[in-house]
Amino acid sequence: MKITSRSTAYYATVRMVNGKVDYRDEPILDGIKIVVKMNNEAFDTANRKYVKLQGRGPRAVHSEARYGKGRRRGFDQSLPLGLATHADVYVYNR
């Protein structure tokens, strides 16, 4: 089994409840957002960054519920945050 590293933009994984970050993980996300905001204000505007949440969790169940029985590949590309059980936090250049 070959282990590959995650993206350099990856920072953390947070739990999701009903499309929102779980209250136990809010401090993690808030801390990342504060650091990104402070860096954007302090440094060159040409190198601004932003925080993005990418939904993770079971996909096939939600795909069949939305698109019909046997249509299990509907969310292979991305999972809406409203259906996610957790989310990866990324910081990208704008």
PDB file of N, CA and C in Angstrom:
ATOM      1  N   MET A   1       0.845  -1.181   0.000  1.00  0.00           N
ATOM      2  CA  MET A   1       0.000   0.000   0.000  1.00  0.00           C
ATOM      3  C   MET A   1       0.881   1.230   0.000  1.00  0.00           C
ATOM      4  N   LYS A   2       0.678   2.085  -0.954  1.00  0.00           N
ATOM      5  CA  LYS A   2       1.449   3.314  -1.049  1.00  0.00           C
ATOM      6  C   LYS A   2       0.702   4.433  -0.325  1.00  0.00           C
ATOM      7  N   ILE A   3       1.389   5.109   0.568  1.00  0.00           N
ATOM      8  CA  ILE A   3       0.766   6.206   1.307  1.00  0.00           C
ATOM      9  C   ILE A   3       1.219   7.515   0.672  1.00  0.00           C
ATOM     10  N   THR A   4       0.252   8.320   0.290  1.00  0.00           N
ATOM     11  CA  THR A   4       0.575   9.616  -0.292  1.00  0.00           C
ATOM     12  C   THR A   4       0.201  10.712   0.688  1.00  0.00           C
ATOM     13  N   SER A   5       0.910  11.817   0.615  1.00  0.00           N
ATOM     14  CA  SER A   5       0.612  12.921   1.522  1.00  0.00           C
ATOM     15  C   SER A   5      -0.601  13.693   1.010  1.00  0.00           C
ATOM     16  N   ARG A   6      -1.226  14.388   1.924  1.00  0.00           N
ATOM     17  CA  ARG A   6      -2.369  15.214   1.558  1.00  0.00           C
ATOM     18  C   ARG A   6      -1.891  16.468   0.834  1.00  0.00           C
ATOM     19  N   SER A   7      -2.821  17.212   0.349  1.00  0.00           N
ATOM     20  CA  SER A   7      -2.537  18.488  -0.295  1.00  0.00           C
ATOM     21  C   SER A   7      -1.842  19.420   0.683  1.00  0.00           C
ATOM     22  N   THR A   8      -0.982  20.276   0.177  1.00  0.00           N
ATOM     23  CA  THR A   8      -0.329  21.265   1.045  1.00  0.00           C
ATOM     24  C   THR A   8      -1.329  22.291   1.558  1.00  0.00           C
ATOM     25  N   ALA A   9      -2.502  22.364   0.947  1.00  0.00           N
ATOM     26  CA  ALA A   9      -3.532  23.300   1.377  1.00  0.00           C
ATOM     27  C   ALA A   9      -4.378  22.761   2.532  1.00  0.00           C
ATOM     28  N   TYR A  10      -4.257  21.465   2.820  1.00  0.00           N
ATOM     29  CA  TYR A  10      -5.052  20.835   3.883  1.00  0.00           C
ATOM     30  C   TYR A  10      -4.590  21.297   5.257  1.00  0.00           C
ATOM     31  N   TYR A  11      -5.563  21.602   6.152  1.00  0.00           N
ATOM     32  CA  TYR A  11      -5.233  22.022   7.513  1.00  0.00           C
ATOM     33  C   TYR A  11      -5.827  21.123   8.579  1.00  0.00           C
ATOM     34  N   ALA A  12      -7.078  20.712   8.442  1.00  0.00           N
ATOM     35  CA  ALA A  12      -7.726  19.954   9.507  1.00  0.00           C
ATOM     36  C   ALA A  12      -8.993  19.289   8.975  1.00  0.00           C
ATOM     37  N   THR A  13      -9.555  18.410   9.798  1.00  0.00           N
ATOM     38  CA  THR A  13     -10.860  17.822   9.525  1.00  0.00           C
ATOM     39  C   THR A  13     -11.773  18.174  10.687  1.00  0.00           C
ATOM     40  N   VAL A  14     -12.982  18.644  10.368  1.00  0.00           N
ATOM     41  CA  VAL A  14     -13.952  19.024  11.400  1.00  0.00           C
ATOM     42  C   VAL A  14     -15.218  18.203  11.228  1.00  0.00           C
ATOM     43  N   ARG A  15     -15.940  18.010  12.324  1.00  0.00           N
ATOM     44  CA  ARG A  15     -17.218  17.288  12.281  1.00  0.00           C
ATOM     45  C   ARG A  15     -18.318  18.247  11.829  1.00  0.00           C
ATOM     46  N   MET A  16     -19.308  17.681  11.130  1.00  0.00           N
ATOM     47  CA  MET A  16     -20.438  18.468  10.640  1.00  0.00           C
ATOM     48  C   MET A  16     -21.731  17.922  11.230  1.00  0.00           C
ATOM     49  N   VAL A  17     -22.666  18.830  11.578  1.00  0.00           N
ATOM     50  CA  VAL A  17     -23.990  18.457  12.065  1.00  0.00           C
ATOM     51  C   VAL A  17     -24.996  19.339  11.334  1.00  0.00           C
ATOM     52  N   ASN A  18     -25.882  18.722  10.560  1.00  0.00           N
ATOM     53  CA  ASN A  18     -26.920  19.449   9.813  1.00  0.00           C
ATOM     54  C   ASN A  18     -26.344  20.578   8.958  1.00  0.00           C
ATOM     55  N   GLY A  19     -25.237  20.308   8.275  1.00  0.00           N
ATOM     56  CA  GLY A  19     -24.656  21.282   7.359  1.00  0.00           C
ATOM     57  C   GLY A  19     -23.826  22.365   8.013  1.00  0.00           C
ATOM     58  N   LYS A  20     -23.615  22.280   9.318  1.00  0.00           N
ATOM     59  CA  LYS A  20     -22.816  23.281  10.024  1.00  0.00           C
ATOM     60  C   LYS A  20     -21.709  22.582  10.802  1.00  0.00           C
ATOM     61  N   VAL A  21     -20.640  23.324  11.061  1.00  0.00           N
ATOM     62  CA  VAL A  21     -19.537  22.765  11.829  1.00  0.00           C
ATOM     63  C   VAL A  21     -20.012  22.504  13.254  1.00  0.00           C
ATOM     64  N   ASP A  22     -19.690  21.327  13.780  1.00  0.00           N
ATOM     65  CA  ASP A  22     -20.050  20.939  15.145  1.00  0.00           C
ATOM     66  C   ASP A  22     -19.461  21.941  16.140  1.00  0.00           C
ATOM     67  N   TYR A  23     -20.214  22.243  17.185  1.00  0.00           N
ATOM     68  CA  TYR A  23     -19.772  23.232  18.175  1.00  0.00           C
ATOM     69  C   TYR A  23     -18.436  22.858  18.797  1.00  0.00           C
ATOM     70  N   ARG A  24     -18.107  21.570  18.863  1.00  0.00           N
ATOM     71  CA  ARG A  24     -16.825  21.143  19.444  1.00  0.00           C
ATOM     72  C   ARG A  24     -15.649  21.489  18.542  1.00  0.00           C
ATOM     73  N   ASP A  25     -15.900  21.633  17.241  1.00  0.00           N
ATOM     74  CA  ASP A  25     -14.827  21.933  16.287  1.00  0.00           C
ATOM     75  C   ASP A  25     -14.827  23.378  15.817  1.00  0.00           C
ATOM     76  N   GLU A  26     -15.806  24.171  16.227  1.00  0.00           N
ATOM     77  CA  GLU A  26     -15.843  25.575  15.825  1.00  0.00           C
ATOM     78  C   GLU A  26     -14.572  26.336  16.191  1.00  0.00           C
ATOM     79  N   PRO A  27     -13.995  26.127  17.399  1.00  0.00           N
ATOM     80  CA  PRO A  27     -12.764  26.856  17.724  1.00  0.00           C
ATOM     81  C   PRO A  27     -11.616  26.569  16.754  1.00  0.00           C
ATOM     82  N   ILE A  28     -11.537  25.356  16.240  1.00  0.00           N
ATOM     83  CA  ILE A  28     -10.495  25.015  15.274  1.00  0.00           C
ATOM     84  C   ILE A  28     -10.673  25.841  14.007  1.00  0.00           C
ATOM     85  N   LEU A  29     -11.888  25.825  13.466  1.00  0.00           N
ATOM     86  CA  LEU A  29     -12.165  26.555  12.234  1.00  0.00           C
ATOM     87  C   LEU A  29     -12.030  28.057  12.447  1.00  0.00           C
ATOM     88  N   ASP A  30     -12.537  28.559  13.558  1.00  0.00           N
ATOM     89  CA  ASP A  30     -12.427  29.996  13.845  1.00  0.00           C
ATOM     90  C   ASP A  30     -10.965  30.425  13.935  1.00  0.00           C
ATOM     91  N   GLY A  31     -10.125  29.598  14.554  1.00  0.00           N
ATOM     92  CA  GLY A  31      -8.707  29.919  14.671  1.00  0.00           C
ATOM     93  C   GLY A  31      -8.033  30.000  13.311  1.00  0.00           C
ATOM     94  N   ILE A  32      -8.339  29.059  12.429  1.00  0.00           N
ATOM     95  CA  ILE A  32      -7.766  29.077  11.079  1.00  0.00           C
ATOM     96  C   ILE A  32      -8.226  30.323  10.334  1.00  0.00           C
ATOM     97  N   LYS A  33      -9.513  30.656  10.441  1.00  0.00           N
ATOM     98  CA  LYS A  33     -10.046  31.838   9.757  1.00  0.00           C
ATOM     99  C   LYS A  33      -9.401  33.126  10.266  1.00  0.00           C
ATOM    100  N   ILE A  34      -9.183  33.206  11.566  1.00  0.00           N
ATOM    101  CA  ILE A  34      -8.562  34.407  12.141  1.00  0.00           C
ATOM    102  C   ILE A  34      -7.137  34.575  11.617  1.00  0.00           C
ATOM    103  N   VAL A  35      -6.373  33.488  11.585  1.00  0.00           N
ATOM    104  CA  VAL A  35      -4.994  33.563  11.092  1.00  0.00           C
ATOM    105  C   VAL A  35      -4.967  33.976   9.622  1.00  0.00           C
ATOM    106  N   VAL A  36      -5.851  33.380   8.806  1.00  0.00           N
ATOM    107  CA  VAL A  36      -5.908  33.730   7.386  1.00  0.00           C
ATOM    108  C   VAL A  36      -6.290  35.199   7.219  1.00  0.00           C
ATOM    109  N   LYS A  37      -7.268  35.660   7.987  1.00  0.00           N
ATOM    110  CA  LYS A  37      -7.702  37.054   7.893  1.00  0.00           C
ATOM    111  C   LYS A  37      -6.572  38.011   8.289  1.00  0.00           C
ATOM    112  N   MET A  38      -5.874  37.683   9.379  1.00  0.00           N
ATOM    113  CA  MET A  38      -4.766  38.536   9.823  1.00  0.00           C
ATOM    114  C   MET A  38      -3.653  38.582   8.774  1.00  0.00           C
ATOM    115  N   ASN A  39      -3.337  37.438   8.184  1.00  0.00           N
ATOM    116  CA  ASN A  39      -2.309  37.409   7.137  1.00  0.00           C
ATOM    117  C   ASN A  39      -2.736  38.195   5.905  1.00  0.00           C
ATOM    118  N   ASN A  40      -4.009  38.083   5.531  1.00  0.00           N
ATOM    119  CA  ASN A  40      -4.500  38.838   4.379  1.00  0.00           C
ATOM    120  C   ASN A  40      -4.411  40.341   4.617  1.00  0.00           C
ATOM    121  N   GLU A  41      -4.671  40.773   5.840  1.00  0.00           N
ATOM    122  CA  GLU A  41      -4.612  42.199   6.163  1.00  0.00           C
ATOM    123  C   GLU A  41      -3.176  42.698   6.286  1.00  0.00           C
ATOM    124  N   ALA A  42      -2.274  41.839   6.754  1.00  0.00           N
ATOM    125  CA  ALA A  42      -0.908  42.271   7.041  1.00  0.00           C
ATOM    126  C   ALA A  42       0.025  42.222   5.834  1.00  0.00           C
ATOM    127  N   PHE A  43      -0.253  41.332   4.887  1.00  0.00           N
ATOM    128  CA  PHE A  43       0.681  41.132   3.783  1.00  0.00           C
ATOM    129  C   PHE A  43       0.097  41.568   2.459  1.00  0.00           C
ATOM    130  N   ASP A  44       0.903  41.407   1.420  1.00  0.00           N
ATOM    131  CA  ASP A  44       0.560  41.842   0.066  1.00  0.00           C
ATOM    132  C   ASP A  44      -0.800  41.290  -0.378  1.00  0.00           C
ATOM    133  N   THR A  45      -1.603  42.160  -0.955  1.00  0.00           N
ATOM    134  CA  THR A  45      -2.947  41.759  -1.391  1.00  0.00           C
ATOM    135  C   THR A  45      -2.908  40.821  -2.595  1.00  0.00           C
ATOM    136  N   ALA A  46      -1.766  40.724  -3.274  1.00  0.00           N
ATOM    137  CA  ALA A  46      -1.659  39.830  -4.426  1.00  0.00           C
ATOM    138  C   ALA A  46      -1.596  38.368  -3.996  1.00  0.00           C
ATOM    139  N   ASN A  47      -1.304  38.105  -2.731  1.00  0.00           N
ATOM    140  CA  ASN A  47      -1.175  36.740  -2.238  1.00  0.00           C
ATOM    141  C   ASN A  47      -2.239  36.419  -1.186  1.00  0.00           C
ATOM    142  N   ARG A  48      -3.455  36.860  -1.424  1.00  0.00           N
ATOM    143  CA  ARG A  48      -4.539  36.627  -0.471  1.00  0.00           C
ATOM    144  C   ARG A  48      -4.938  35.158  -0.458  1.00  0.00           C
ATOM    145  N   LYS A  49      -5.444  34.701   0.673  1.00  0.00           N
ATOM    146  CA  LYS A  49      -5.863  33.314   0.839  1.00  0.00           C
ATOM    147  C   LYS A  49      -7.325  33.261   1.296  1.00  0.00           C
ATOM    148  N   TYR A  50      -7.928  32.091   1.163  1.00  0.00           N
ATOM    149  CA  TYR A  50      -9.287  31.891   1.656  1.00  0.00           C
ATOM    150  C   TYR A  50      -9.426  30.477   2.205  1.00  0.00           C
ATOM    151  N   VAL A  51     -10.402  30.291   3.090  1.00  0.00           N
ATOM    152  CA  VAL A  51     -10.657  29.010   3.742  1.00  0.00           C
ATOM    153  C   VAL A  51     -11.829  28.333   3.029  1.00  0.00           C
ATOM    154  N   LYS A  52     -11.653  27.051   2.711  1.00  0.00           N
ATOM    155  CA  LYS A  52     -12.712  26.294   2.035  1.00  0.00           C
ATOM    156  C   LYS A  52     -12.956  24.993   2.783  1.00  0.00           C
ATOM    157  N   LEU A  53     -14.226  24.657   2.978  1.00  0.00           N
ATOM    158  CA  LEU A  53     -14.612  23.372   3.557  1.00  0.00           C
ATOM    159  C   LEU A  53     -15.036  22.444   2.419  1.00  0.00           C
ATOM    160  N   GLN A  54     -14.511  21.227   2.431  1.00  0.00           N
ATOM    161  CA  GLN A  54     -14.872  20.221   1.426  1.00  0.00           C
ATOM    162  C   GLN A  54     -15.562  19.073   2.140  1.00  0.00           C
ATOM    163  N   GLY A  55     -16.839  18.852   1.849  1.00  0.00           N
ATOM    164  CA  GLY A  55     -17.631  17.840   2.528  1.00  0.00           C
ATOM    165  C   GLY A  55     -17.126  16.431   2.318  1.00  0.00           C
ATOM    166  N   ARG A  56     -17.164  15.637   3.390  1.00  0.00           N
ATOM    167  CA  ARG A  56     -16.752  14.232   3.354  1.00  0.00           C
ATOM    168  C   ARG A  56     -17.820  13.384   4.047  1.00  0.00           C
ATOM    169  N   GLY A  57     -17.858  12.117   3.725  1.00  0.00           N
ATOM    170  CA  GLY A  57     -18.802  11.210   4.360  1.00  0.00           C
ATOM    171  C   GLY A  57     -19.397  10.249   3.363  1.00  0.00           C
ATOM    172  N   PRO A  58     -20.409   9.463   3.788  1.00  0.00           N
ATOM    173  CA  PRO A  58     -21.024   8.477   2.891  1.00  0.00           C
ATOM    174  C   PRO A  58     -21.738   9.174   1.730  1.00  0.00           C
ATOM    175  N   ARG A  59     -21.472   8.693   0.529  1.00  0.00           N
ATOM    176  CA  ARG A  59     -22.017   9.342  -0.664  1.00  0.00           C
ATOM    177  C   ARG A  59     -23.130   8.544  -1.323  1.00  0.00           C
ATOM    178  N   ALA A  60     -22.967   7.230  -1.381  1.00  0.00           N
ATOM    179  CA  ALA A  60     -23.898   6.393  -2.140  1.00  0.00           C
ATOM    180  C   ALA A  60     -25.324   6.485  -1.596  1.00  0.00           C
ATOM    181  N   VAL A  61     -25.477   6.490  -0.281  1.00  0.00           N
ATOM    182  CA  VAL A  61     -26.807   6.553   0.331  1.00  0.00           C
ATOM    183  C   VAL A  61     -27.523   7.838  -0.086  1.00  0.00           C
ATOM    184  N   HIS A  62     -26.813   8.951  -0.018  1.00  0.00           N
ATOM    185  CA  HIS A  62     -27.415  10.238  -0.379  1.00  0.00           C
ATOM    186  C   HIS A  62     -27.684  10.335  -1.878  1.00  0.00           C
ATOM    187  N   SER A  63     -26.798   9.751  -2.667  1.00  0.00           N
ATOM    188  CA  SER A  63     -26.984   9.773  -4.116  1.00  0.00           C
ATOM    189  C   SER A  63     -28.234   8.997  -4.525  1.00  0.00           C
ATOM    190  N   GLU A  64     -28.421   7.802  -3.943  1.00  0.00           N
ATOM    191  CA  GLU A  64     -29.618   7.024  -4.264  1.00  0.00           C
ATOM    192  C   GLU A  64     -30.882   7.717  -3.784  1.00  0.00           C
ATOM    193  N   ALA A  65     -30.816   8.374  -2.637  1.00  0.00           N
ATOM    194  CA  ALA A  65     -31.993   9.084  -2.124  1.00  0.00           C
ATOM    195  C   ALA A  65     -32.382  10.234  -3.048  1.00  0.00           C
ATOM    196  N   ARG A  66     -31.397  10.905  -3.621  1.00  0.00           N
ATOM    197  CA  ARG A  66     -31.693  12.058  -4.469  1.00  0.00           C
ATOM    198  C   ARG A  66     -31.976  11.674  -5.910  1.00  0.00           C
ATOM    199  N   TYR A  67     -31.220  10.713  -6.473  1.00  0.00           N
ATOM    200  CA  TYR A  67     -31.312  10.420  -7.905  1.00  0.00           C
ATOM    201  C   TYR A  67     -31.986   9.093  -8.247  1.00  0.00           C
ATOM    202  N   GLY A  68     -32.326   8.288  -7.231  1.00  0.00           N
ATOM    203  CA  GLY A  68     -33.031   7.034  -7.489  1.00  0.00           C
ATOM    204  C   GLY A  68     -32.171   5.804  -7.253  1.00  0.00           C
ATOM    205  N   LYS A  69     -32.850   4.687  -7.047  1.00  0.00           N
ATOM    206  CA  LYS A  69     -32.176   3.418  -6.749  1.00  0.00           C
ATOM    207  C   LYS A  69     -31.200   3.056  -7.868  1.00  0.00           C
ATOM    208  N   GLY A  70     -30.007   2.635  -7.468  1.00  0.00           N
ATOM    209  CA  GLY A  70     -28.985   2.258  -8.432  1.00  0.00           C
ATOM    210  C   GLY A  70     -28.119   3.408  -8.904  1.00  0.00           C
ATOM    211  N   ARG A  71     -28.469   4.610  -8.550  1.00  0.00           N
ATOM    212  CA  ARG A  71     -27.692   5.799  -8.969  1.00  0.00           C
ATOM    213  C   ARG A  71     -26.767   6.196  -7.823  1.00  0.00           C
ATOM    214  N   ARG A  72     -25.735   5.389  -7.596  1.00  0.00           N
ATOM    215  CA  ARG A  72     -24.866   5.540  -6.433  1.00  0.00           C
ATOM    216  C   ARG A  72     -23.676   6.461  -6.678  1.00  0.00           C
ATOM    217  N   ARG A  73     -23.477   6.942  -7.877  1.00  0.00           N
ATOM    218  CA  ARG A  73     -22.271   7.707  -8.188  1.00  0.00           C
ATOM    219  C   ARG A  73     -22.522   9.213  -8.272  1.00  0.00           C
ATOM    220  N   GLY A  74     -23.648   9.682  -7.801  1.00  0.00           N
ATOM    221  CA  GLY A  74     -24.020  11.082  -7.960  1.00  0.00           C
ATOM    222  C   GLY A  74     -23.143  12.085  -7.239  1.00  0.00           C
ATOM    223  N   PHE A  75     -22.534  11.687  -6.140  1.00  0.00           N
ATOM    224  CA  PHE A  75     -21.712  12.624  -5.375  1.00  0.00           C
ATOM    225  C   PHE A  75     -20.247  12.208  -5.364  1.00  0.00           C
ATOM    226  N   ASP A  76     -19.783  11.544  -6.407  1.00  0.00           N
ATOM    227  CA  ASP A  76     -18.377  11.136  -6.456  1.00  0.00           C
ATOM    228  C   ASP A  76     -17.445  12.344  -6.521  1.00  0.00           C
ATOM    229  N   GLN A  77     -17.858  13.397  -7.194  1.00  0.00           N
ATOM    230  CA  GLN A  77     -17.002  14.578  -7.362  1.00  0.00           C
ATOM    231  C   GLN A  77     -16.935  15.400  -6.080  1.00  0.00           C
ATOM    232  N   SER A  78     -18.061  15.696  -5.500  1.00  0.00           N
ATOM    233  CA  SER A  78     -18.083  16.486  -4.265  1.00  0.00           C
ATOM    234  C   SER A  78     -19.363  16.170  -3.495  1.00  0.00           C
ATOM    235  N   LEU A  79     -19.289  16.350  -2.192  1.00  0.00           N
ATOM    236  CA  LEU A  79     -20.439  16.089  -1.331  1.00  0.00           C
ATOM    237  C   LEU A  79     -20.888  17.412  -0.717  1.00  0.00           C
ATOM    238  N   PRO A  80     -22.143  17.813  -0.917  1.00  0.00           N
ATOM    239  CA  PRO A  80     -22.620  19.065  -0.323  1.00  0.00           C
ATOM    240  C   PRO A  80     -22.446  19.057   1.194  1.00  0.00           C
ATOM    241  N   LEU A  81     -22.112  20.203   1.772  1.00  0.00           N
ATOM    242  CA  LEU A  81     -21.881  20.288   3.214  1.00  0.00           C
ATOM    243  C   LEU A  81     -23.119  19.884   4.005  1.00  0.00           C
ATOM    244  N   GLY A  82     -24.297  20.100   3.466  1.00  0.00           N
ATOM    245  CA  GLY A  82     -25.524  19.739   4.147  1.00  0.00           C
ATOM    246  C   GLY A  82     -25.675  18.237   4.340  1.00  0.00           C
ATOM    247  N   LEU A  83     -24.972  17.433   3.530  1.00  0.00           N
ATOM    248  CA  LEU A  83     -25.037  15.981   3.626  1.00  0.00           C
ATOM    249  C   LEU A  83     -23.788  15.387   4.273  1.00  0.00           C
ATOM    250  N   ALA A  84     -22.793  16.202   4.517  1.00  0.00           N
ATOM    251  CA  ALA A  84     -21.502  15.718   5.015  1.00  0.00           C
ATOM    252  C   ALA A  84     -21.552  15.380   6.503  1.00  0.00           C
ATOM    253  N   THR A  85     -20.807  14.342   6.890  1.00  0.00           N
ATOM    254  CA  THR A  85     -20.655  13.989   8.301  1.00  0.00           C
ATOM    255  C   THR A  85     -19.422  14.668   8.884  1.00  0.00           C
ATOM    256  N   HIS A  86     -18.485  15.029   8.023  1.00  0.00           N
ATOM    257  CA  HIS A  86     -17.312  15.791   8.423  1.00  0.00           C
ATOM    258  C   HIS A  86     -16.803  16.544   7.192  1.00  0.00           C
ATOM    259  N   ALA A  87     -15.886  17.472   7.404  1.00  0.00           N
ATOM    260  CA  ALA A  87     -15.374  18.270   6.288  1.00  0.00           C
ATOM    261  C   ALA A  87     -13.888  18.512   6.480  1.00  0.00           C
ATOM    262  N   ASP A  88     -13.166  18.510   5.376  1.00  0.00           N
ATOM    263  CA  ASP A  88     -11.761  18.867   5.407  1.00  0.00           C
ATOM    264  C   ASP A  88     -11.647  20.365   5.203  1.00  0.00           C
ATOM    265  N   VAL A  89     -10.730  20.983   5.947  1.00  0.00           N
ATOM    266  CA  VAL A  89     -10.509  22.430   5.867  1.00  0.00           C
ATOM    267  C   VAL A  89      -9.259  22.663   5.028  1.00  0.00           C
ATOM    268  N   TYR A  90      -9.408  23.462   3.986  1.00  0.00           N
ATOM    269  CA  TYR A  90      -8.281  23.807   3.099  1.00  0.00           C
ATOM    270  C   TYR A  90      -8.106  25.320   3.098  1.00  0.00           C
ATOM    271  N   VAL A  91      -6.863  25.768   2.938  1.00  0.00           N
ATOM    272  CA  VAL A  91      -6.569  27.186   2.769  1.00  0.00           C
ATOM    273  C   VAL A  91      -5.893  27.332   1.407  1.00  0.00           C
ATOM    274  N   TYR A  92      -6.558  28.058   0.501  1.00  0.00           N
ATOM    275  CA  TYR A  92      -6.078  28.216  -0.874  1.00  0.00           C
ATOM    276  C   TYR A  92      -5.696  29.666  -1.143  1.00  0.00           C
ATOM    277  N   ASN A  93      -4.844  29.843  -2.176  1.00  0.00           N
ATOM    278  CA  ASN A  93      -4.565  31.187  -2.679  1.00  0.00           C
ATOM    279  C   ASN A  93      -5.741  31.649  -3.510  1.00  0.00           C
ATOM    280  N   ARG A  94      -6.090  32.908  -3.382  1.00  0.00           N
ATOM    281  CA  ARG A  94      -7.187  33.468  -4.164  1.00  0.00           C
ATOM    282  C   ARG A  94      -6.742  33.741  -5.562  1.00  0.00           C
TER     283      ARG A  94
END
